[in-house]
Amino acid sequence: MPKMTIRVILKSGSEFAIKCDKFTIKQNGFGQATGYNIEGITENKPVYLDFEQVAAVVRLYSDEHTEDTQETEKKRGATETKTKCPHCGGDVENAIIYADEENKEYFVYCPICGIETVETYASKAKALKAFADGKTKPISGKGAGGGE
């Protein structure tokens, strides 16, 4: 498991980063930080930290992201297969059938139309039929609660 990076930013503008396995902040009844517990430190172990001087403590998730490999996808048992979208029309395979073989869950989505099946289905055939029958919801744009 990748180490987490915790950035401590002081009121003076100075900052430092700690790499560790686990970081927990202790708080008083008013929600103010009064201490901390750090496990598995590999970089920049603080010896003393005055929380009166701390402006912010930030966890950098971007350092923890690991790219999924084909091996990881195989272990999950998930596959994506292109198929023709009945809503886009034409001969282009725009729609994608997402199949989680391990959990027996299937759904279909089309990134061009911006729609997907309303729910997951127990078979690929049922998911395709629901998609073709218009049992869909938006996955992007205003209809999904996002921007355009």
Protein backbone atom coordinates (compact mmCIF):
# COMPACT_ATOMS: atom_id res chain seq x y z
CA MET A 1 0.00 0.00 0.00
CA PRO A 2 1.42 3.43 -0.86
CA LYS A 3 2.33 5.79 1.94
CA MET A 4 0.14 8.82 2.54
CA THR A 5 1.58 12.32 2.38
CA ILE A 6 0.45 14.79 5.04
CA ARG A 7 1.35 18.47 4.50
CA VAL A 8 1.51 20.64 7.60
CA ILE A 9 1.21 24.34 6.78
CA LEU A 10 2.19 26.81 9.50
CA LYS A 11 0.74 30.29 10.03
CA SER A 12 4.15 31.71 9.07
CA GLY A 13 3.74 30.20 5.59
CA SER A 14 6.34 27.50 6.13
CA GLU A 15 5.30 23.95 5.41
CA PHE A 16 6.62 20.42 5.52
CA ALA A 17 5.40 17.02 4.39
CA ILE A 18 5.28 13.76 6.34
CA LYS A 19 5.08 10.36 4.61
CA CYS A 20 3.42 7.72 6.76
CA ASP A 21 0.98 4.80 6.90
CA LYS A 22 -1.54 6.40 9.27
CA PHE A 23 -2.11 9.96 10.56
CA THR A 24 -4.71 10.79 13.21
CA ILE A 25 -5.42 14.21 14.71
CA LYS A 26 -6.61 14.41 18.33
CA GLN A 27 -9.24 17.09 18.99
CA ASN A 28 -10.72 18.71 22.06
CA GLY A 29 -14.46 19.22 22.67
CA PHE A 30 -14.42 22.37 20.51
CA GLY A 31 -12.99 20.54 17.49
CA GLN A 32 -9.58 22.16 17.87
CA ALA A 33 -6.48 20.06 17.13
CA THR A 34 -4.58 19.29 20.32
CA GLY A 35 -2.26 16.52 19.20
CA TYR A 36 -1.59 13.84 16.66
CA ASN A 37 -0.64 10.20 16.23
CA ILE A 38 1.49 9.07 13.31
CA GLU A 39 2.31 5.44 12.43
CA GLY A 40 4.79 4.08 9.88
CA ILE A 41 6.70 7.32 9.22
CA THR A 42 9.25 7.09 6.40
CA GLU A 43 10.00 10.80 5.84
CA ASN A 44 10.13 13.94 8.03
CA LYS A 45 9.21 12.74 11.51
CA PRO A 46 8.14 15.79 13.56
CA VAL A 47 9.80 15.87 16.98
CA TYR A 48 7.63 18.71 18.29
CA LEU A 49 4.66 20.48 16.75
CA ASP A 50 2.91 23.51 18.32
CA PHE A 51 -0.70 23.35 17.09
CA GLU A 52 -1.12 27.05 17.96
CA GLN A 53 1.18 27.71 14.97
CA VAL A 54 -0.55 25.33 12.52
CA ALA A 55 -2.76 26.93 9.86
CA ALA A 56 -3.74 23.70 8.05
CA VAL A 57 -3.08 19.97 7.79
CA VAL A 58 -3.68 18.55 4.31
CA ARG A 59 -3.64 14.96 3.03
CA LEU A 60 -2.38 14.61 -0.56
CA TYR A 61 -4.43 11.84 -2.15
CA SER A 62 -2.66 12.27 -5.49
CA ASP A 63 0.47 10.67 -4.03
CA GLU A 64 -1.49 7.57 -3.03
CA HIS A 65 -3.08 6.81 -6.41
CA THR A 66 -1.77 3.73 -8.13
CA GLU A 67 -2.60 3.01 -11.74
CA ASP A 68 -4.78 -0.02 -12.35
CA THR A 69 -2.96 -2.60 -14.37
CA GLN A 70 -4.47 -5.24 -16.62
CA GLU A 71 -3.59 -7.75 -13.89
CA THR A 72 -5.65 -5.78 -11.36
CA GLU A 73 -8.58 -5.64 -13.77
CA LYS A 74 -8.31 -9.40 -14.32
CA LYS A 75 -8.42 -10.02 -10.56
CA ARG A 76 -11.57 -7.93 -10.32
CA GLY A 77 -13.10 -9.91 -13.16
CA ALA A 78 -14.41 -6.75 -14.82
CA THR A 79 -14.41 -6.25 -18.58
CA GLU A 80 -15.60 -3.59 -20.97
CA THR A 81 -16.85 -4.54 -24.43
CA LYS A 82 -17.86 -2.09 -27.16
CA THR A 83 -21.21 -2.47 -28.86
CA LYS A 84 -23.49 -0.41 -31.12
CA CYS A 85 -25.55 2.25 -29.36
CA PRO A 86 -29.20 2.15 -30.42
CA HIS A 87 -29.55 5.79 -29.36
CA CYS A 88 -26.60 7.15 -31.40
CA GLY A 89 -27.44 5.09 -34.46
CA GLY A 90 -25.03 4.20 -37.20
CA ASP A 91 -22.46 1.46 -37.44
CA VAL A 92 -20.03 2.86 -34.87
CA GLU A 93 -19.64 0.95 -31.61
CA ASN A 94 -20.04 3.84 -29.16
CA ALA A 95 -21.74 2.03 -26.27
CA ILE A 96 -19.81 -0.03 -23.73
CA ILE A 97 -20.99 -3.09 -21.82
CA TYR A 98 -19.39 -3.13 -18.37
CA ALA A 99 -19.33 -6.66 -17.00
CA ASP A 100 -18.31 -7.53 -13.45
CA GLU A 101 -18.15 -11.30 -13.81
CA GLU A 102 -17.22 -11.87 -10.17
CA ASN A 103 -20.35 -10.15 -8.81
CA LYS A 104 -22.55 -10.96 -11.83
CA GLU A 105 -23.38 -7.30 -12.46
CA TYR A 106 -23.74 -5.75 -15.89
CA PHE A 107 -24.63 -2.30 -17.17
CA VAL A 108 -24.34 -0.43 -20.46
CA TYR A 109 -23.28 3.15 -21.02
CA CYS A 110 -22.59 5.41 -23.96
CA PRO A 111 -20.10 8.25 -23.43
CA ILE A 112 -21.31 9.92 -26.66
CA CYS A 113 -24.99 10.03 -25.64
CA GLY A 114 -24.10 10.56 -21.99
CA ILE A 115 -26.45 7.85 -20.70
CA GLU A 116 -26.27 4.53 -18.86
CA THR A 117 -28.71 1.88 -17.71
CA VAL A 118 -30.68 2.92 -14.64
CA GLU A 119 -29.43 -0.07 -12.66
CA THR A 120 -27.16 -3.09 -12.92
CA TYR A 121 -28.48 -6.39 -14.24
CA ALA A 122 -27.75 -10.06 -13.62
CA SER A 123 -26.94 -10.79 -17.26
CA LYS A 124 -25.42 -9.04 -20.24
CA ALA A 125 -28.56 -9.69 -22.30
CA LYS A 126 -30.84 -8.04 -19.70
CA ALA A 127 -28.55 -4.99 -19.49
CA LEU A 128 -28.50 -4.62 -23.29
CA LYS A 129 -32.30 -4.96 -23.50
CA ALA A 130 -32.84 -2.34 -20.79
CA PHE A 131 -30.44 0.04 -22.55
CA ALA A 132 -32.19 -0.47 -25.90
CA ASP A 133 -35.62 -0.04 -24.25
CA GLY A 134 -34.58 3.37 -22.92
CA LYS A 135 -34.27 2.40 -19.25
CA THR A 136 -31.42 4.90 -18.91
CA LYS A 137 -30.26 7.87 -16.88
CA PRO A 138 -27.79 10.67 -17.72
CA ILE A 139 -24.14 10.18 -16.73
CA SER A 140 -23.03 13.71 -17.56
CA GLY A 141 -24.37 17.18 -18.14
CA LYS A 142 -27.17 19.01 -16.35
CA GLY A 143 -29.41 15.94 -16.08
CA ALA A 144 -26.84 14.15 -13.92
CA GLY A 145 -26.45 17.09 -11.59
CA GLY A 146 -23.13 18.20 -13.07
CA GLY A 147 -22.11 20.85 -15.53
CA GLU A 148 -22.29 20.66 -19.27
